[in-house]
Amino acid sequence: MRTLAVRITDDLRAQLDVIAQLNDRSVTEEIRLSLEDWIERSKSDPQVLKRAETVRADIEHEAQTKRNAIGAIGDQNA
């Protein structure tokens, strides 16, 4: 597991502390569970899915550009 530092207001922290206590969980566990839930909901959000298509295309284009550059370097050394 990796550690993540997040800055929150005193009011939000107080509410988080109370929720964790009411659920008999640690603050860390409450945050982890909340993030897992938010990520799962985001995976089915139409706006997120649409943006994912654009990001995927950008990544594939960048990867192809880098493959071409490596190929060009390799061709020069042959």
N, C-alpha and C. Protein backbone atom coordinates (compact mmCIF):
# COMPACT_ATOMS: atom_id res chain seq x y z
N MET A 1 0.84 -1.19 0.00
CA MET A 1 0.00 0.00 0.00
C MET A 1 0.88 1.23 0.00
N ARG A 2 0.34 2.30 -0.58
CA ARG A 2 1.05 3.57 -0.61
C ARG A 2 0.32 4.59 0.25
N THR A 3 1.06 5.55 0.75
CA THR A 3 0.50 6.61 1.58
C THR A 3 0.15 7.80 0.72
N LEU A 4 -0.95 8.46 1.05
CA LEU A 4 -1.40 9.65 0.35
C LEU A 4 -1.72 10.72 1.38
N ALA A 5 -1.11 11.88 1.24
CA ALA A 5 -1.40 13.01 2.14
C ALA A 5 -2.41 13.92 1.47
N VAL A 6 -3.45 14.29 2.20
CA VAL A 6 -4.51 15.14 1.67
C VAL A 6 -4.78 16.24 2.69
N ARG A 7 -4.83 17.46 2.21
CA ARG A 7 -5.16 18.59 3.08
C ARG A 7 -6.66 18.81 3.04
N ILE A 8 -7.28 18.87 4.24
CA ILE A 8 -8.71 19.12 4.34
C ILE A 8 -8.94 20.16 5.43
N THR A 9 -10.11 20.77 5.41
CA THR A 9 -10.44 21.77 6.41
C THR A 9 -10.64 21.12 7.77
N ASP A 10 -10.53 21.93 8.80
CA ASP A 10 -10.77 21.42 10.16
C ASP A 10 -12.18 20.89 10.30
N ASP A 11 -13.15 21.58 9.68
CA ASP A 11 -14.54 21.16 9.76
C ASP A 11 -14.75 19.80 9.10
N LEU A 12 -14.16 19.61 7.91
CA LEU A 12 -14.29 18.32 7.23
C LEU A 12 -13.62 17.22 8.05
N ARG A 13 -12.47 17.51 8.62
CA ARG A 13 -11.78 16.51 9.45
C ARG A 13 -12.62 16.13 10.66
N ALA A 14 -13.25 17.12 11.29
CA ALA A 14 -14.09 16.84 12.45
C ALA A 14 -15.25 15.93 12.06
N GLN A 15 -15.87 16.21 10.91
CA GLN A 15 -16.97 15.36 10.44
C GLN A 15 -16.48 13.95 10.13
N LEU A 16 -15.32 13.87 9.51
CA LEU A 16 -14.74 12.57 9.20
C LEU A 16 -14.45 11.77 10.46
N ASP A 17 -13.92 12.44 11.47
CA ASP A 17 -13.65 11.78 12.75
C ASP A 17 -14.93 11.21 13.35
N VAL A 18 -16.01 12.00 13.31
CA VAL A 18 -17.28 11.56 13.88
C VAL A 18 -17.85 10.38 13.09
N ILE A 19 -17.83 10.47 11.76
CA ILE A 19 -18.34 9.38 10.92
C ILE A 19 -17.56 8.10 11.18
N ALA A 20 -16.24 8.22 11.26
CA ALA A 20 -15.41 7.04 11.53
C ALA A 20 -15.76 6.43 12.88
N GLN A 21 -15.94 7.28 13.87
CA GLN A 21 -16.29 6.79 15.21
C GLN A 21 -17.66 6.10 15.18
N LEU A 22 -18.62 6.72 14.51
CA LEU A 22 -19.97 6.14 14.44
C LEU A 22 -19.97 4.79 13.71
N ASN A 23 -19.09 4.65 12.74
CA ASN A 23 -18.99 3.39 11.98
C ASN A 23 -18.01 2.41 12.59
N ASP A 24 -17.41 2.80 13.72
CA ASP A 24 -16.44 1.95 14.41
C ASP A 24 -15.29 1.56 13.48
N ARG A 25 -14.82 2.57 12.72
CA ARG A 25 -13.69 2.37 11.82
C ARG A 25 -12.69 3.49 12.03
N SER A 26 -11.49 3.27 11.51
CA SER A 26 -10.48 4.32 11.57
C SER A 26 -10.78 5.36 10.48
N VAL A 27 -10.22 6.54 10.65
CA VAL A 27 -10.35 7.58 9.63
C VAL A 27 -9.76 7.08 8.32
N THR A 28 -8.63 6.41 8.40
CA THR A 28 -7.99 5.87 7.21
C THR A 28 -8.92 4.91 6.47
N GLU A 29 -9.58 4.04 7.21
CA GLU A 29 -10.50 3.08 6.59
C GLU A 29 -11.69 3.79 5.96
N GLU A 30 -12.22 4.81 6.63
CA GLU A 30 -13.34 5.58 6.06
C GLU A 30 -12.93 6.23 4.74
N ILE A 31 -11.75 6.81 4.72
CA ILE A 31 -11.27 7.46 3.50
C ILE A 31 -11.08 6.44 2.39
N ARG A 32 -10.45 5.30 2.71
CA ARG A 32 -10.21 4.27 1.71
C ARG A 32 -11.52 3.75 1.13
N LEU A 33 -12.48 3.47 1.98
CA LEU A 33 -13.78 2.98 1.52
C LEU A 33 -14.50 4.02 0.66
N SER A 34 -14.41 5.27 1.06
CA SER A 34 -15.05 6.35 0.30
C SER A 34 -14.41 6.48 -1.08
N LEU A 35 -13.09 6.42 -1.13
CA LEU A 35 -12.40 6.51 -2.41
C LEU A 35 -12.73 5.34 -3.32
N GLU A 36 -12.78 4.13 -2.75
CA GLU A 36 -13.14 2.97 -3.54
C GLU A 36 -14.54 3.12 -4.13
N ASP A 37 -15.48 3.62 -3.34
CA ASP A 37 -16.85 3.82 -3.80
C ASP A 37 -16.89 4.89 -4.90
N TRP A 38 -16.19 5.99 -4.69
CA TRP A 38 -16.16 7.07 -5.68
C TRP A 38 -15.55 6.59 -7.00
N ILE A 39 -14.48 5.82 -6.92
CA ILE A 39 -13.85 5.29 -8.14
C ILE A 39 -14.81 4.37 -8.88
N GLU A 40 -15.49 3.49 -8.18
CA GLU A 40 -16.44 2.58 -8.83
C GLU A 40 -17.55 3.36 -9.51
N ARG A 41 -18.07 4.41 -8.84
CA ARG A 41 -19.12 5.22 -9.46
C ARG A 41 -18.59 5.98 -10.67
N SER A 42 -17.36 6.45 -10.59
CA SER A 42 -16.75 7.19 -11.70
C SER A 42 -16.58 6.31 -12.93
N LYS A 43 -16.33 5.02 -12.72
CA LYS A 43 -16.13 4.10 -13.84
C LYS A 43 -17.36 3.98 -14.73
N SER A 44 -18.53 4.31 -14.21
CA SER A 44 -19.75 4.21 -15.01
C SER A 44 -20.32 5.60 -15.35
N ASP A 45 -19.60 6.65 -15.01
CA ASP A 45 -20.03 8.01 -15.32
C ASP A 45 -19.80 8.28 -16.81
N PRO A 46 -20.85 8.62 -17.56
CA PRO A 46 -20.71 8.83 -19.01
C PRO A 46 -19.66 9.88 -19.36
N GLN A 47 -19.55 10.94 -18.58
CA GLN A 47 -18.56 11.98 -18.87
C GLN A 47 -17.14 11.45 -18.68
N VAL A 48 -16.93 10.65 -17.65
CA VAL A 48 -15.62 10.06 -17.40
C VAL A 48 -15.28 9.08 -18.53
N LEU A 49 -16.24 8.27 -18.93
CA LEU A 49 -16.01 7.30 -19.99
C LEU A 49 -15.68 7.99 -21.32
N LYS A 50 -16.37 9.08 -21.60
CA LYS A 50 -16.09 9.82 -22.84
C LYS A 50 -14.68 10.40 -22.79
N ARG A 51 -14.30 10.97 -21.67
CA ARG A 51 -12.96 11.54 -21.52
C ARG A 51 -11.91 10.44 -21.61
N ALA A 52 -12.22 9.25 -21.10
CA ALA A 52 -11.28 8.13 -21.16
C ALA A 52 -10.94 7.77 -22.59
N GLU A 53 -11.91 7.86 -23.49
CA GLU A 53 -11.66 7.57 -24.91
C GLU A 53 -10.63 8.54 -25.47
N THR A 54 -10.77 9.82 -25.13
CA THR A 54 -9.83 10.84 -25.60
C THR A 54 -8.44 10.61 -25.03
N VAL A 55 -8.39 10.33 -23.74
CA VAL A 55 -7.10 10.10 -23.08
C VAL A 55 -6.42 8.87 -23.66
N ARG A 56 -7.18 7.81 -23.89
CA ARG A 56 -6.62 6.59 -24.47
C ARG A 56 -6.03 6.88 -25.85
N ALA A 57 -6.74 7.64 -26.66
CA ALA A 57 -6.24 7.99 -27.99
C ALA A 57 -4.96 8.80 -27.89
N ASP A 58 -4.91 9.73 -26.95
CA ASP A 58 -3.70 10.53 -26.75
C ASP A 58 -2.51 9.66 -26.34
N ILE A 59 -2.76 8.72 -25.44
CA ILE A 59 -1.71 7.81 -24.97
C ILE A 59 -1.21 6.95 -26.12
N GLU A 60 -2.13 6.42 -26.91
CA GLU A 60 -1.74 5.58 -28.05
C GLU A 60 -0.95 6.37 -29.08
N HIS A 61 -1.34 7.60 -29.32
CA HIS A 61 -0.62 8.45 -30.26
C HIS A 61 0.80 8.73 -29.74
N GLU A 62 0.91 9.06 -28.48
CA GLU A 62 2.24 9.32 -27.90
C GLU A 62 3.11 8.07 -27.94
N ALA A 63 2.51 6.91 -27.65
CA ALA A 63 3.27 5.66 -27.68
C ALA A 63 3.77 5.37 -29.09
N GLN A 64 2.92 5.60 -30.09
CA GLN A 64 3.33 5.37 -31.48
C GLN A 64 4.45 6.32 -31.87
N THR A 65 4.36 7.56 -31.46
CA THR A 65 5.41 8.54 -31.74
C THR A 65 6.74 8.09 -31.15
N LYS A 66 6.69 7.58 -29.91
CA LYS A 66 7.92 7.11 -29.26
C LYS A 66 8.45 5.85 -29.94
N ARG A 67 7.55 4.94 -30.36
CA ARG A 67 8.00 3.75 -31.09
C ARG A 67 8.70 4.15 -32.38
N ASN A 68 8.11 5.12 -33.08
CA ASN A 68 8.73 5.62 -34.32
C ASN A 68 10.10 6.22 -34.04
N ALA A 69 10.22 6.97 -32.96
CA ALA A 69 11.50 7.60 -32.62
C ALA A 69 12.54 6.54 -32.28
N ILE A 70 12.14 5.53 -31.53
CA ILE A 70 13.09 4.44 -31.21
C ILE A 70 13.49 3.71 -32.48
N GLY A 71 12.53 3.47 -33.35
CA GLY A 71 12.83 2.81 -34.62
C GLY A 71 13.81 3.61 -35.45
N ALA A 72 13.62 4.92 -35.47
CA ALA A 72 14.51 5.79 -36.23
C ALA A 72 15.92 5.77 -35.66
N ILE A 73 16.05 5.72 -34.36
CA ILE A 73 17.36 5.64 -33.72
C ILE A 73 18.01 4.30 -34.05
N GLY A 74 17.21 3.24 -33.98
CA GLY A 74 17.73 1.92 -34.29
C GLY A 74 18.18 1.80 -35.73
N ASP A 75 17.44 2.43 -36.63
CA ASP A 75 17.80 2.40 -38.07
C ASP A 75 19.11 3.12 -38.32
N GLN A 76 19.38 4.17 -37.55
CA GLN A 76 20.63 4.93 -37.74
C GLN A 76 21.84 4.13 -37.27
N ASN A 77 21.62 3.25 -36.31
CA ASN A 77 22.72 2.45 -35.74
C ASN A 77 22.97 1.16 -36.52
N ALA A 78 22.11 0.85 -37.48
CA ALA A 78 22.25 -0.42 -38.21
C ALA A 78 23.27 -0.34 -39.31
